[in-house]
């Protein structure tokens, strides 16, 4: 094997190990914090928190799918060397991320609030807390859909170009050119 191929294999192995470590760390934090949250909220409120927060979290798969799709198209245009088309793809994916976040917010506000207030069996004294949890979950999802999409795509773009130190500059320049 060539030196470049060996270097790439080492980098792939290192990245794989780091991803496994990150996953284990996240799982540990999740298990630890869920115990603390359960103790703090109590059984009933913890159930409401998980149910209402889970309704919005279901849509998180869209974020991952959109990022993977965006990365594919950006990588393709970068490989072709067409920077004008690359800018168009970046702007289009950014617009799609914002549109999907908007659509999910609207659907969550209409269907989620209706379902929460009419179909779920939540004690009336906890209904306000359940509605607040839903609203905060929707808000956090919408913000993270857009921000995570922008930064993940920008980071991959900077990595593919080889100028990872210019991540912020790429993101700012691309965002300003999309308007």
Foldseek 3Di string as FASTA:
>chain_A
DDPVVVVVVVVVVVVVVVVVVVVVVVVVVVVVVLVVVCVVQDDQRSVLLCVLLVVLVVCVVVLVVLLVVLLVVLVVCVVVVPVVVSLVSLLVSLVVLLVVLVVSLVCCVVVVVCCLVPPDDHDPVCSVVSVVSNVVSSVVSSVCSNVVSLQSNLCSNCVVVPNNVCSVVVSVVSVVVSD
